[in-house]
Amino acid sequence: MFKTRTFWAIVLAIITSILVLETKLNFSGNALWLRAASVLSTPGARVVAALDSPGSALQGWARFWQTTALVCNFLVYAIFWYVCVWLVGYFRSRRHPYDRQPTMLYH
């Protein structure tokens, strides 16, 4: 279970989400940290801005749109970390290509 890419992508996405939230709450006075948190939360904000058009049926549902933004950000973080974990595994396996089983069939 601890060797799967999906597990580590989800764990790292949760940690990233918590760190972004804590940065917005605790480091709001520091411009650098606030800018980093706003950049990391941009994907969810863009999705919500695209879906929440004026005059739509869900226009007044602020809590729904906040949750939608958090879920979108979480999915972006999970996909990012999945790709990172996959790349690390790929490059680690490429470092020692002759340690694996031979792929050629001998007759």
C-alpha atoms as a PDB file:
ATOM      1  CA  MET A   1       0.000   0.000   0.000  1.00  0.00           C
ATOM      2  CA  PHE A   2       2.815   2.414   0.840  1.00  0.00           C
ATOM      3  CA  LYS A   3       4.497   1.707  -2.487  1.00  0.00           C
ATOM      4  CA  THR A   4       1.633   2.805  -4.705  1.00  0.00           C
ATOM      5  CA  ARG A   5       1.882   6.082  -6.554  1.00  0.00           C
ATOM      6  CA  THR A   6      -1.771   6.883  -5.976  1.00  0.00           C
ATOM      7  CA  PHE A   7      -1.441   6.613  -2.203  1.00  0.00           C
ATOM      8  CA  TRP A   8       1.530   8.970  -2.061  1.00  0.00           C
ATOM      9  CA  ALA A   9      -0.100  11.383  -4.516  1.00  0.00           C
ATOM     10  CA  ILE A  10      -3.169  11.617  -2.276  1.00  0.00           C
ATOM     11  CA  VAL A  11      -1.084  12.013   0.887  1.00  0.00           C
ATOM     12  CA  LEU A  12       1.050  14.748  -0.675  1.00  0.00           C
ATOM     13  CA  ALA A  13      -2.047  16.473  -2.095  1.00  0.00           C
ATOM     14  CA  ILE A  14      -3.606  16.536   1.378  1.00  0.00           C
ATOM     15  CA  ILE A  15      -0.400  17.972   2.847  1.00  0.00           C
ATOM     16  CA  THR A  16      -0.229  20.591   0.089  1.00  0.00           C
ATOM     17  CA  SER A  17      -3.859  21.581   0.657  1.00  0.00           C
ATOM     18  CA  ILE A  18      -3.288  21.941   4.395  1.00  0.00           C
ATOM     19  CA  LEU A  19      -0.121  23.989   3.873  1.00  0.00           C
ATOM     20  CA  VAL A  20      -1.852  26.345   1.439  1.00  0.00           C
ATOM     21  CA  LEU A  21      -4.726  26.828   3.876  1.00  0.00           C
ATOM     22  CA  GLU A  22      -2.378  27.438   6.803  1.00  0.00           C
ATOM     23  CA  THR A  23      -0.360  29.883   4.707  1.00  0.00           C
ATOM     24  CA  LYS A  24      -3.468  31.874   3.885  1.00  0.00           C
ATOM     25  CA  LEU A  25      -4.508  31.949   7.546  1.00  0.00           C
ATOM     26  CA  ASN A  26      -1.224  32.480   9.370  1.00  0.00           C
ATOM     27  CA  PHE A  27       1.054  34.289   6.907  1.00  0.00           C
ATOM     28  CA  SER A  28      -1.378  36.828   5.498  1.00  0.00           C
ATOM     29  CA  GLY A  29       0.993  39.677   6.412  1.00  0.00           C
ATOM     30  CA  ASN A  30       3.889  38.334   4.368  1.00  0.00           C
ATOM     31  CA  ALA A  31       3.472  39.228   0.686  1.00  0.00           C
ATOM     32  CA  LEU A  32       5.679  36.396  -0.605  1.00  0.00           C
ATOM     33  CA  TRP A  33       3.812  33.639   1.225  1.00  0.00           C
ATOM     34  CA  LEU A  34       0.437  35.138   0.363  1.00  0.00           C
ATOM     35  CA  ARG A  35       1.405  35.319  -3.325  1.00  0.00           C
ATOM     36  CA  ALA A  36       2.584  31.681  -3.264  1.00  0.00           C
ATOM     37  CA  ALA A  37      -0.700  30.577  -1.694  1.00  0.00           C
ATOM     38  CA  SER A  38      -2.736  32.511  -4.231  1.00  0.00           C
ATOM     39  CA  VAL A  39      -0.786  30.997  -7.131  1.00  0.00           C
ATOM     40  CA  LEU A  40      -1.331  27.495  -5.752  1.00  0.00           C
ATOM     41  CA  SER A  41      -5.066  28.087  -5.375  1.00  0.00           C
ATOM     42  CA  THR A  42      -5.530  29.597  -8.850  1.00  0.00           C
ATOM     43  CA  PRO A  43      -6.809  26.437 -10.637  1.00  0.00           C
ATOM     44  CA  GLY A  44      -9.845  26.103  -8.382  1.00  0.00           C
ATOM     45  CA  ALA A  45     -10.598  29.796  -8.607  1.00  0.00           C
ATOM     46  CA  ARG A  46     -10.462  29.657 -12.405  1.00  0.00           C
ATOM     47  CA  VAL A  47     -12.871  26.707 -12.551  1.00  0.00           C
ATOM     48  CA  VAL A  48     -15.313  28.421 -10.193  1.00  0.00           C
ATOM     49  CA  ALA A  49     -15.097  31.670 -12.149  1.00  0.00           C
ATOM     50  CA  ALA A  50     -15.859  29.788 -15.356  1.00  0.00           C
ATOM     51  CA  LEU A  51     -18.809  27.886 -13.877  1.00  0.00           C
ATOM     52  CA  ASP A  52     -20.353  30.618 -11.728  1.00  0.00           C
ATOM     53  CA  SER A  53     -21.660  32.970 -14.361  1.00  0.00           C
ATOM     54  CA  PRO A  54     -23.984  35.843 -13.456  1.00  0.00           C
ATOM     55  CA  GLY A  55     -27.623  34.822 -13.543  1.00  0.00           C
ATOM     56  CA  SER A  56     -26.936  31.111 -13.041  1.00  0.00           C
ATOM     57  CA  ALA A  57     -29.079  28.941 -10.788  1.00  0.00           C
ATOM     58  CA  LEU A  58     -26.236  28.437  -8.288  1.00  0.00           C
ATOM     59  CA  GLN A  59     -25.195  32.077  -8.061  1.00  0.00           C
ATOM     60  CA  GLY A  60     -25.787  32.569  -4.322  1.00  0.00           C
ATOM     61  CA  TRP A  61     -24.234  29.317  -3.126  1.00  0.00           C
ATOM     62  CA  ALA A  62     -20.916  30.588  -1.794  1.00  0.00           C
ATOM     63  CA  ARG A  63     -20.164  27.515   0.310  1.00  0.00           C
ATOM     64  CA  PHE A  64     -20.771  25.220  -2.678  1.00  0.00           C
ATOM     65  CA  TRP A  65     -18.343  27.231  -4.814  1.00  0.00           C
ATOM     66  CA  GLN A  66     -15.725  27.261  -2.053  1.00  0.00           C
ATOM     67  CA  THR A  67     -15.963  23.485  -1.811  1.00  0.00           C
ATOM     68  CA  THR A  68     -15.767  23.185  -5.588  1.00  0.00           C
ATOM     69  CA  ALA A  69     -12.603  25.302  -5.619  1.00  0.00           C
ATOM     70  CA  LEU A  70     -11.024  23.179  -2.865  1.00  0.00           C
ATOM     71  CA  VAL A  71     -11.862  19.937  -4.680  1.00  0.00           C
ATOM     72  CA  CYS A  72     -10.460  21.265  -7.965  1.00  0.00           C
ATOM     73  CA  ASN A  73      -7.262  22.371  -6.244  1.00  0.00           C
ATOM     74  CA  PHE A  74      -6.975  18.999  -4.529  1.00  0.00           C
ATOM     75  CA  LEU A  75      -7.321  17.183  -7.859  1.00  0.00           C
ATOM     76  CA  VAL A  76      -4.668  19.389  -9.450  1.00  0.00           C
ATOM     77  CA  TYR A  77      -2.313  18.748  -6.528  1.00  0.00           C
ATOM     78  CA  ALA A  78      -2.967  14.993  -6.674  1.00  0.00           C
ATOM     79  CA  ILE A  79      -2.265  14.848 -10.410  1.00  0.00           C
ATOM     80  CA  PHE A  80       0.889  16.939  -9.980  1.00  0.00           C
ATOM     81  CA  TRP A  81       2.216  14.733  -7.175  1.00  0.00           C
ATOM     82  CA  TYR A  82       1.285  11.544  -9.057  1.00  0.00           C
ATOM     83  CA  VAL A  83       3.370  12.696 -12.022  1.00  0.00           C
ATOM     84  CA  CYS A  84       6.255  13.659  -9.720  1.00  0.00           C
ATOM     85  CA  VAL A  85       6.217  10.288  -7.936  1.00  0.00           C
ATOM     86  CA  TRP A  86       5.997   8.493 -11.287  1.00  0.00           C
ATOM     87  CA  LEU A  87       8.995  10.448 -12.631  1.00  0.00           C
ATOM     88  CA  VAL A  88      11.057   9.658  -9.544  1.00  0.00           C
ATOM     89  CA  GLY A  89      10.248   5.960  -9.904  1.00  0.00           C
ATOM     90  CA  TYR A  90      11.030   6.043 -13.599  1.00  0.00           C
ATOM     91  CA  PHE A  91      14.398   7.733 -13.158  1.00  0.00           C
ATOM     92  CA  ARG A  92      15.338   5.453 -10.271  1.00  0.00           C
ATOM     93  CA  SER A  93      14.640   2.398 -12.407  1.00  0.00           C
ATOM     94  CA  ARG A  94      16.620   3.897 -15.299  1.00  0.00           C
ATOM     95  CA  ARG A  95      19.675   4.358 -13.103  1.00  0.00           C
ATOM     96  CA  HIS A  96      20.319   0.607 -12.905  1.00  0.00           C
ATOM     97  CA  PRO A  97      18.846  -0.901 -16.068  1.00  0.00           C
ATOM     98  CA  TYR A  98      20.811  -4.151 -15.763  1.00  0.00           C
ATOM     99  CA  ASP A  99      19.534  -4.986 -12.277  1.00  0.00           C
ATOM    100  CA  ARG A 100      16.171  -6.013 -13.716  1.00  0.00           C
ATOM    101  CA  GLN A 101      15.187  -9.308 -15.246  1.00  0.00           C
ATOM    102  CA  PRO A 102      16.330  -9.802 -18.841  1.00  0.00           C
ATOM    103  CA  THR A 103      13.676  -8.973 -21.372  1.00  0.00           C
ATOM    104  CA  MET A 104      15.079 -11.068 -24.192  1.00  0.00           C
ATOM    105  CA  LEU A 105      13.831 -14.601 -24.576  1.00  0.00           C
ATOM    106  CA  TYR A 106      16.440 -17.289 -24.952  1.00  0.00           C
ATOM    107  CA  HIS A 107      15.668 -20.392 -26.974  1.00  0.00           C
END
